[in-house]
Amino acid sequence: MPTVHTLDGAISLLQVLISAFLAILFLQSGIDKVVDRRGNLEWLKGHFSKSPLAGIVPLLVTAITILEVAAGALSAIGCAVIIFSRGSTIAFYGAVISAIAIVALFFGQRMAKDYAGAAVLVPYFLLALSAIYLLALR
């Protein structure tokens, strides 16, 4: 990694930190959905019971779990690659999948009319968009 006091070093540091953040965020969430699938399904069935998505909650949980685990894994691997070889391509794709996952979550929250829950996702989405930009710089 270059000296942190340079523009190139600061960008590298930001790339590592943002990739680590997305890795933690999505690996924790995705692994929780794998480990406690039944609990997540039960809670989400109630959450979406009055929405047009009520009949396909298990399918949606599977889809979002795949997106979250993929986003987290790519971000984690990408973080390591940035540290050891300065390549940001893998982390870039992790950020792209992160943004897609957040859009999917946002859609679900809006469909469930959980507007406060949807609003909470906005900073995460802005972070994912920032990650896409920062990781495309090299």
N, C-alpha and C. Protein backbone atom coordinates (compact mmCIF):
# COMPACT_ATOMS: atom_id res chain seq x y z
N MET A 1 0.85 -1.18 0.00
CA MET A 1 0.00 0.00 0.00
C MET A 1 0.90 1.24 0.00
N PRO A 2 0.55 2.26 -0.80
CA PRO A 2 1.36 3.46 -0.83
C PRO A 2 1.23 4.27 0.46
N THR A 3 2.10 5.26 0.59
CA THR A 3 2.06 6.15 1.75
C THR A 3 0.68 6.79 1.85
N VAL A 4 0.12 6.78 3.03
CA VAL A 4 -1.25 7.27 3.24
C VAL A 4 -1.36 8.78 3.01
N HIS A 5 -0.26 9.50 3.16
CA HIS A 5 -0.29 10.96 3.03
C HIS A 5 -0.33 11.45 1.60
N THR A 6 -0.50 10.56 0.65
CA THR A 6 -0.61 10.95 -0.76
C THR A 6 -2.04 10.69 -1.22
N LEU A 7 -2.41 11.27 -2.34
CA LEU A 7 -3.75 11.04 -2.88
C LEU A 7 -3.95 9.55 -3.19
N ASP A 8 -2.94 8.94 -3.79
CA ASP A 8 -3.04 7.52 -4.12
C ASP A 8 -3.18 6.67 -2.85
N GLY A 9 -2.42 7.03 -1.81
CA GLY A 9 -2.50 6.30 -0.54
C GLY A 9 -3.85 6.49 0.14
N ALA A 10 -4.38 7.70 0.10
CA ALA A 10 -5.69 7.97 0.71
C ALA A 10 -6.79 7.20 -0.02
N ILE A 11 -6.70 7.15 -1.34
CA ILE A 11 -7.69 6.39 -2.11
C ILE A 11 -7.61 4.91 -1.76
N SER A 12 -6.40 4.38 -1.65
CA SER A 12 -6.24 2.97 -1.27
C SER A 12 -6.83 2.70 0.10
N LEU A 13 -6.57 3.59 1.04
CA LEU A 13 -7.11 3.43 2.39
C LEU A 13 -8.64 3.46 2.37
N LEU A 14 -9.20 4.42 1.64
CA LEU A 14 -10.66 4.49 1.52
C LEU A 14 -11.22 3.22 0.89
N GLN A 15 -10.55 2.69 -0.11
CA GLN A 15 -11.00 1.47 -0.78
C GLN A 15 -11.00 0.29 0.19
N VAL A 16 -9.96 0.18 0.99
CA VAL A 16 -9.88 -0.91 1.98
C VAL A 16 -11.00 -0.76 3.01
N LEU A 17 -11.17 0.43 3.55
CA LEU A 17 -12.16 0.65 4.61
C LEU A 17 -13.59 0.44 4.11
N ILE A 18 -13.89 0.96 2.93
CA ILE A 18 -15.25 0.84 2.42
C ILE A 18 -15.56 -0.62 2.06
N SER A 19 -14.55 -1.34 1.55
CA SER A 19 -14.74 -2.75 1.23
C SER A 19 -14.92 -3.57 2.51
N ALA A 20 -14.14 -3.25 3.54
CA ALA A 20 -14.27 -3.95 4.81
C ALA A 20 -15.66 -3.70 5.42
N PHE A 21 -16.12 -2.47 5.35
CA PHE A 21 -17.45 -2.13 5.88
C PHE A 21 -18.53 -2.93 5.18
N LEU A 22 -18.51 -2.95 3.84
CA LEU A 22 -19.52 -3.70 3.09
C LEU A 22 -19.41 -5.19 3.35
N ALA A 23 -18.19 -5.69 3.52
CA ALA A 23 -18.01 -7.12 3.83
C ALA A 23 -18.67 -7.47 5.16
N ILE A 24 -18.40 -6.67 6.18
CA ILE A 24 -18.99 -6.92 7.50
C ILE A 24 -20.51 -6.82 7.44
N LEU A 25 -21.00 -5.77 6.83
CA LEU A 25 -22.45 -5.53 6.74
C LEU A 25 -23.17 -6.71 6.09
N PHE A 26 -22.70 -7.12 4.92
CA PHE A 26 -23.44 -8.12 4.16
C PHE A 26 -23.13 -9.55 4.57
N LEU A 27 -21.92 -9.84 5.03
CA LEU A 27 -21.65 -11.20 5.51
C LEU A 27 -22.45 -11.48 6.78
N GLN A 28 -22.50 -10.52 7.68
CA GLN A 28 -23.28 -10.73 8.91
C GLN A 28 -24.74 -10.94 8.59
N SER A 29 -25.30 -10.10 7.75
CA SER A 29 -26.72 -10.19 7.42
C SER A 29 -27.03 -11.47 6.63
N GLY A 30 -26.19 -11.77 5.64
CA GLY A 30 -26.43 -12.96 4.83
C GLY A 30 -26.26 -14.25 5.62
N ILE A 31 -25.19 -14.31 6.43
CA ILE A 31 -24.96 -15.52 7.23
C ILE A 31 -26.07 -15.70 8.26
N ASP A 32 -26.57 -14.61 8.83
CA ASP A 32 -27.70 -14.69 9.76
C ASP A 32 -28.92 -15.30 9.07
N LYS A 33 -29.14 -14.94 7.82
CA LYS A 33 -30.29 -15.49 7.08
C LYS A 33 -30.10 -16.98 6.77
N VAL A 34 -28.86 -17.42 6.65
CA VAL A 34 -28.58 -18.84 6.43
C VAL A 34 -28.73 -19.61 7.74
N VAL A 35 -28.11 -19.12 8.81
CA VAL A 35 -28.09 -19.81 10.09
C VAL A 35 -29.48 -19.84 10.74
N ASP A 36 -30.23 -18.75 10.63
CA ASP A 36 -31.56 -18.66 11.24
C ASP A 36 -32.61 -18.44 10.16
N ARG A 37 -32.60 -19.28 9.15
CA ARG A 37 -33.55 -19.11 8.05
C ARG A 37 -34.99 -19.16 8.55
N ARG A 38 -35.30 -20.11 9.39
CA ARG A 38 -36.67 -20.27 9.89
C ARG A 38 -37.13 -19.01 10.64
N GLY A 39 -36.30 -18.49 11.52
CA GLY A 39 -36.67 -17.28 12.27
C GLY A 39 -36.85 -16.07 11.35
N ASN A 40 -35.94 -15.93 10.39
CA ASN A 40 -36.05 -14.83 9.44
C ASN A 40 -37.31 -14.96 8.59
N LEU A 41 -37.59 -16.18 8.14
CA LEU A 41 -38.80 -16.40 7.33
C LEU A 41 -40.06 -16.06 8.10
N GLU A 42 -40.13 -16.50 9.34
CA GLU A 42 -41.32 -16.22 10.14
C GLU A 42 -41.51 -14.72 10.34
N TRP A 43 -40.44 -14.02 10.68
CA TRP A 43 -40.55 -12.58 10.89
C TRP A 43 -40.94 -11.88 9.60
N LEU A 44 -40.31 -12.26 8.49
CA LEU A 44 -40.58 -11.59 7.22
C LEU A 44 -41.96 -11.93 6.67
N LYS A 45 -42.46 -13.12 6.93
CA LYS A 45 -43.83 -13.45 6.51
C LYS A 45 -44.82 -12.51 7.19
N GLY A 46 -44.60 -12.24 8.47
CA GLY A 46 -45.46 -11.28 9.17
C GLY A 46 -45.27 -9.86 8.64
N HIS A 47 -44.04 -9.51 8.38
CA HIS A 47 -43.72 -8.16 7.89
C HIS A 47 -44.37 -7.88 6.54
N PHE A 48 -44.43 -8.90 5.68
CA PHE A 48 -44.97 -8.73 4.33
C PHE A 48 -46.40 -9.26 4.19
N SER A 49 -47.04 -9.61 5.29
CA SER A 49 -48.35 -10.27 5.23
C SER A 49 -49.43 -9.44 4.52
N LYS A 50 -49.32 -8.13 4.57
CA LYS A 50 -50.33 -7.27 3.93
C LYS A 50 -49.81 -6.62 2.65
N SER A 51 -48.75 -7.17 2.10
CA SER A 51 -48.18 -6.58 0.88
C SER A 51 -48.39 -7.53 -0.30
N PRO A 52 -48.21 -7.03 -1.51
CA PRO A 52 -48.34 -7.90 -2.69
C PRO A 52 -47.27 -9.00 -2.75
N LEU A 53 -46.25 -8.90 -1.91
CA LEU A 53 -45.17 -9.88 -1.91
C LEU A 53 -45.40 -11.03 -0.93
N ALA A 54 -46.54 -11.03 -0.25
CA ALA A 54 -46.81 -12.01 0.80
C ALA A 54 -46.64 -13.45 0.35
N GLY A 55 -47.02 -13.78 -0.86
CA GLY A 55 -46.98 -15.16 -1.32
C GLY A 55 -45.61 -15.66 -1.75
N ILE A 56 -44.64 -14.77 -1.86
CA ILE A 56 -43.33 -15.20 -2.36
C ILE A 56 -42.19 -14.87 -1.40
N VAL A 57 -42.50 -14.74 -0.13
CA VAL A 57 -41.48 -14.39 0.86
C VAL A 57 -40.33 -15.41 0.88
N PRO A 58 -40.58 -16.72 0.87
CA PRO A 58 -39.44 -17.65 0.88
C PRO A 58 -38.50 -17.46 -0.33
N LEU A 59 -39.06 -17.23 -1.48
CA LEU A 59 -38.25 -16.98 -2.67
C LEU A 59 -37.44 -15.70 -2.52
N LEU A 60 -38.07 -14.66 -2.00
CA LEU A 60 -37.38 -13.38 -1.81
C LEU A 60 -36.26 -13.49 -0.77
N VAL A 61 -36.49 -14.26 0.29
CA VAL A 61 -35.45 -14.45 1.31
C VAL A 61 -34.26 -15.18 0.70
N THR A 62 -34.53 -16.18 -0.12
CA THR A 62 -33.44 -16.89 -0.79
C THR A 62 -32.66 -15.95 -1.70
N ALA A 63 -33.37 -15.15 -2.47
CA ALA A 63 -32.71 -14.23 -3.40
C ALA A 63 -31.86 -13.20 -2.65
N ILE A 64 -32.41 -12.61 -1.60
CA ILE A 64 -31.67 -11.58 -0.87
C ILE A 64 -30.50 -12.20 -0.12
N THR A 65 -30.65 -13.43 0.34
CA THR A 65 -29.55 -14.12 1.02
C THR A 65 -28.39 -14.33 0.06
N ILE A 66 -28.69 -14.77 -1.15
CA ILE A 66 -27.64 -14.97 -2.17
C ILE A 66 -26.95 -13.64 -2.48
N LEU A 67 -27.74 -12.59 -2.67
CA LEU A 67 -27.15 -11.27 -2.95
C LEU A 67 -26.26 -10.80 -1.80
N GLU A 68 -26.74 -10.94 -0.58
CA GLU A 68 -25.96 -10.45 0.57
C GLU A 68 -24.68 -11.23 0.77
N VAL A 69 -24.75 -12.55 0.66
CA VAL A 69 -23.54 -13.36 0.84
C VAL A 69 -22.54 -13.07 -0.29
N ALA A 70 -23.03 -12.94 -1.50
CA ALA A 70 -22.15 -12.62 -2.63
C ALA A 70 -21.51 -11.25 -2.45
N ALA A 71 -22.31 -10.26 -2.07
CA ALA A 71 -21.77 -8.91 -1.86
C ALA A 71 -20.72 -8.91 -0.75
N GLY A 72 -21.02 -9.59 0.34
CA GLY A 72 -20.08 -9.64 1.46
C GLY A 72 -18.81 -10.39 1.13
N ALA A 73 -18.95 -11.52 0.45
CA ALA A 73 -17.77 -12.32 0.11
C ALA A 73 -16.88 -11.59 -0.89
N LEU A 74 -17.47 -11.01 -1.92
CA LEU A 74 -16.68 -10.27 -2.90
C LEU A 74 -16.01 -9.06 -2.26
N SER A 75 -16.71 -8.39 -1.37
CA SER A 75 -16.13 -7.23 -0.68
C SER A 75 -14.97 -7.66 0.22
N ALA A 76 -15.12 -8.77 0.93
CA ALA A 76 -14.05 -9.26 1.81
C ALA A 76 -12.83 -9.69 1.01
N ILE A 77 -13.05 -10.47 -0.03
CA ILE A 77 -11.94 -10.90 -0.88
C ILE A 77 -11.30 -9.68 -1.54
N GLY A 78 -12.15 -8.77 -2.03
CA GLY A 78 -11.65 -7.56 -2.67
C GLY A 78 -10.83 -6.70 -1.72
N CYS A 79 -11.22 -6.64 -0.47
CA CYS A 79 -10.48 -5.88 0.54
C CYS A 79 -9.07 -6.46 0.67
N ALA A 80 -8.97 -7.77 0.75
CA ALA A 80 -7.66 -8.42 0.86
C ALA A 80 -6.82 -8.18 -0.40
N VAL A 81 -7.46 -8.26 -1.56
CA VAL A 81 -6.74 -8.04 -2.81
C VAL A 81 -6.21 -6.60 -2.88
N ILE A 82 -6.99 -5.64 -2.44
CA ILE A 82 -6.52 -4.24 -2.43
C ILE A 82 -5.29 -4.12 -1.54
N ILE A 83 -5.33 -4.75 -0.38
CA ILE A 83 -4.21 -4.66 0.56
C ILE A 83 -2.94 -5.30 -0.02
N PHE A 84 -3.09 -6.47 -0.63
CA PHE A 84 -1.91 -7.23 -1.04
C PHE A 84 -1.45 -6.98 -2.47
N SER A 85 -2.36 -6.58 -3.35
CA SER A 85 -1.91 -6.37 -4.74
C SER A 85 -2.45 -5.10 -5.38
N ARG A 86 -3.20 -4.32 -4.61
CA ARG A 86 -3.74 -3.03 -5.06
C ARG A 86 -4.78 -3.12 -6.16
N GLY A 87 -5.24 -4.32 -6.48
CA GLY A 87 -6.30 -4.46 -7.48
C GLY A 87 -7.66 -4.25 -6.85
N SER A 88 -8.50 -3.48 -7.49
CA SER A 88 -9.82 -3.16 -6.89
C SER A 88 -11.00 -3.78 -7.64
N THR A 89 -10.75 -4.60 -8.63
CA THR A 89 -11.84 -5.13 -9.47
C THR A 89 -12.83 -5.98 -8.67
N ILE A 90 -12.32 -6.89 -7.86
CA ILE A 90 -13.22 -7.78 -7.09
C ILE A 90 -14.05 -6.96 -6.11
N ALA A 91 -13.41 -6.03 -5.42
CA ALA A 91 -14.14 -5.17 -4.48
C ALA A 91 -15.16 -4.31 -5.21
N PHE A 92 -14.83 -3.87 -6.42
CA PHE A 92 -15.78 -3.10 -7.23
C PHE A 92 -17.05 -3.90 -7.46
N TYR A 93 -16.91 -5.16 -7.87
CA TYR A 93 -18.09 -5.99 -8.10
C TYR A 93 -18.84 -6.27 -6.80
N GLY A 94 -18.11 -6.37 -5.69
CA GLY A 94 -18.77 -6.49 -4.39
C GLY A 94 -19.64 -5.28 -4.09
N ALA A 95 -19.13 -4.08 -4.42
CA ALA A 95 -19.89 -2.84 -4.20
C ALA A 95 -21.10 -2.78 -5.11
N VAL A 96 -20.96 -3.22 -6.35
CA VAL A 96 -22.09 -3.22 -7.29
C VAL A 96 -23.19 -4.15 -6.77
N ILE A 97 -22.81 -5.35 -6.35
CA ILE A 97 -23.82 -6.29 -5.84
C ILE A 97 -24.41 -5.77 -4.53
N SER A 98 -23.60 -5.08 -3.73
CA SER A 98 -24.11 -4.44 -2.50
C SER A 98 -25.21 -3.44 -2.84
N ALA A 99 -24.96 -2.59 -3.83
CA ALA A 99 -25.96 -1.60 -4.23
C ALA A 99 -27.23 -2.28 -4.74
N ILE A 100 -27.08 -3.36 -5.50
CA ILE A 100 -28.25 -4.09 -5.99
C ILE A 100 -29.03 -4.69 -4.82
N ALA A 101 -28.31 -5.26 -3.85
CA ALA A 101 -28.97 -5.83 -2.67
C ALA A 101 -29.75 -4.76 -1.90
N ILE A 102 -29.16 -3.58 -1.76
CA ILE A 102 -29.83 -2.50 -1.03
C ILE A 102 -31.06 -2.03 -1.78
N VAL A 103 -30.98 -1.95 -3.10
CA VAL A 103 -32.16 -1.59 -3.90
C VAL A 103 -33.26 -2.63 -3.69
N ALA A 104 -32.90 -3.90 -3.67
CA ALA A 104 -33.89 -4.96 -3.44
C ALA A 104 -34.51 -4.84 -2.05
N LEU A 105 -33.68 -4.58 -1.05
CA LEU A 105 -34.20 -4.39 0.30
C LEU A 105 -35.11 -3.16 0.39
N PHE A 106 -34.70 -2.09 -0.26
CA PHE A 106 -35.48 -0.86 -0.29
C PHE A 106 -36.85 -1.11 -0.93
N PHE A 107 -36.85 -1.83 -2.06
CA PHE A 107 -38.10 -2.18 -2.73
C PHE A 107 -39.02 -2.95 -1.77
N GLY A 108 -38.46 -3.93 -1.09
CA GLY A 108 -39.26 -4.72 -0.16
C GLY A 108 -39.84 -3.88 0.97
N GLN A 109 -39.02 -3.00 1.53
CA GLN A 109 -39.51 -2.15 2.62
C GLN A 109 -40.63 -1.22 2.14
N ARG A 110 -40.46 -0.68 0.96
CA ARG A 110 -41.51 0.20 0.41
C ARG A 110 -42.79 -0.59 0.15
N MET A 111 -42.66 -1.80 -0.38
CA MET A 111 -43.84 -2.64 -0.65
C MET A 111 -44.56 -3.01 0.64
N ALA A 112 -43.79 -3.19 1.70
CA ALA A 112 -44.37 -3.52 3.01
C ALA A 112 -44.89 -2.27 3.72
N LYS A 113 -44.73 -1.12 3.07
CA LYS A 113 -45.11 0.18 3.63
C LYS A 113 -44.40 0.48 4.95
N ASP A 114 -43.17 -0.04 5.05
CA ASP A 114 -42.30 0.25 6.18
C ASP A 114 -41.38 1.39 5.75
N TYR A 115 -41.91 2.59 5.75
CA TYR A 115 -41.19 3.74 5.24
C TYR A 115 -39.99 4.11 6.11
N ALA A 116 -40.10 3.92 7.41
CA ALA A 116 -38.96 4.18 8.30
C ALA A 116 -37.84 3.18 8.01
N GLY A 117 -38.19 1.93 7.81
CA GLY A 117 -37.19 0.91 7.46
C GLY A 117 -36.53 1.19 6.13
N ALA A 118 -37.30 1.68 5.18
CA ALA A 118 -36.74 2.04 3.87
C ALA A 118 -35.79 3.22 4.01
N ALA A 119 -36.14 4.18 4.83
CA ALA A 119 -35.30 5.38 5.01
C ALA A 119 -33.95 5.03 5.62
N VAL A 120 -33.93 4.03 6.48
CA VAL A 120 -32.68 3.60 7.11
C VAL A 120 -31.68 3.09 6.07
N LEU A 121 -32.18 2.58 4.96
CA LEU A 121 -31.32 2.02 3.93
C LEU A 121 -30.61 3.07 3.08
N VAL A 122 -31.10 4.29 3.09
CA VAL A 122 -30.56 5.34 2.22
C VAL A 122 -29.06 5.58 2.47
N PRO A 123 -28.60 5.74 3.73
CA PRO A 123 -27.16 5.95 3.93
C PRO A 123 -26.32 4.77 3.43
N TYR A 124 -26.81 3.56 3.60
CA TYR A 124 -26.09 2.39 3.10
C TYR A 124 -26.00 2.43 1.58
N PHE A 125 -27.07 2.85 0.94
CA PHE A 125 -27.07 2.93 -0.52
C PHE A 125 -26.07 3.99 -0.99
N LEU A 126 -26.05 5.13 -0.32
CA LEU A 126 -25.10 6.18 -0.67
C LEU A 126 -23.66 5.69 -0.46
N LEU A 127 -23.44 4.92 0.59
CA LEU A 127 -22.12 4.35 0.83
C LEU A 127 -21.74 3.38 -0.29
N ALA A 128 -22.68 2.55 -0.73
CA ALA A 128 -22.41 1.61 -1.81
C ALA A 128 -22.11 2.36 -3.11
N LEU A 129 -22.84 3.42 -3.39
CA LEU A 129 -22.56 4.22 -4.58
C LEU A 129 -21.19 4.86 -4.50
N SER A 130 -20.83 5.35 -3.31
CA SER A 130 -19.49 5.92 -3.11
C SER A 130 -18.42 4.86 -3.32
N ALA A 131 -18.70 3.66 -2.85
CA ALA A 131 -17.75 2.55 -3.02
C ALA A 131 -17.54 2.25 -4.50
N ILE A 132 -18.62 2.22 -5.26
CA ILE A 132 -18.51 1.96 -6.70
C ILE A 132 -17.59 3.00 -7.34
N TYR A 133 -17.80 4.26 -6.99
CA TYR A 133 -16.98 5.34 -7.54
C TYR A 133 -15.50 5.18 -7.12
N LEU A 134 -15.26 5.02 -5.81
CA LEU A 134 -13.89 4.92 -5.31
C LEU A 134 -13.16 3.71 -5.87
N LEU A 135 -13.87 2.61 -6.01
CA LEU A 135 -13.23 1.38 -6.48
C LEU A 135 -13.01 1.37 -7.99
N ALA A 136 -13.64 2.30 -8.70
CA ALA A 136 -13.44 2.41 -10.15
C ALA A 136 -12.27 3.31 -10.49
N LEU A 137 -11.67 3.95 -9.50
CA LEU A 137 -10.59 4.90 -9.75
C LEU A 137 -9.31 4.24 -10.23
N ARG A 138 -9.17 2.94 -10.04
CA ARG A 138 -7.99 2.24 -10.54
C ARG A 138 -8.41 1.08 -11.39
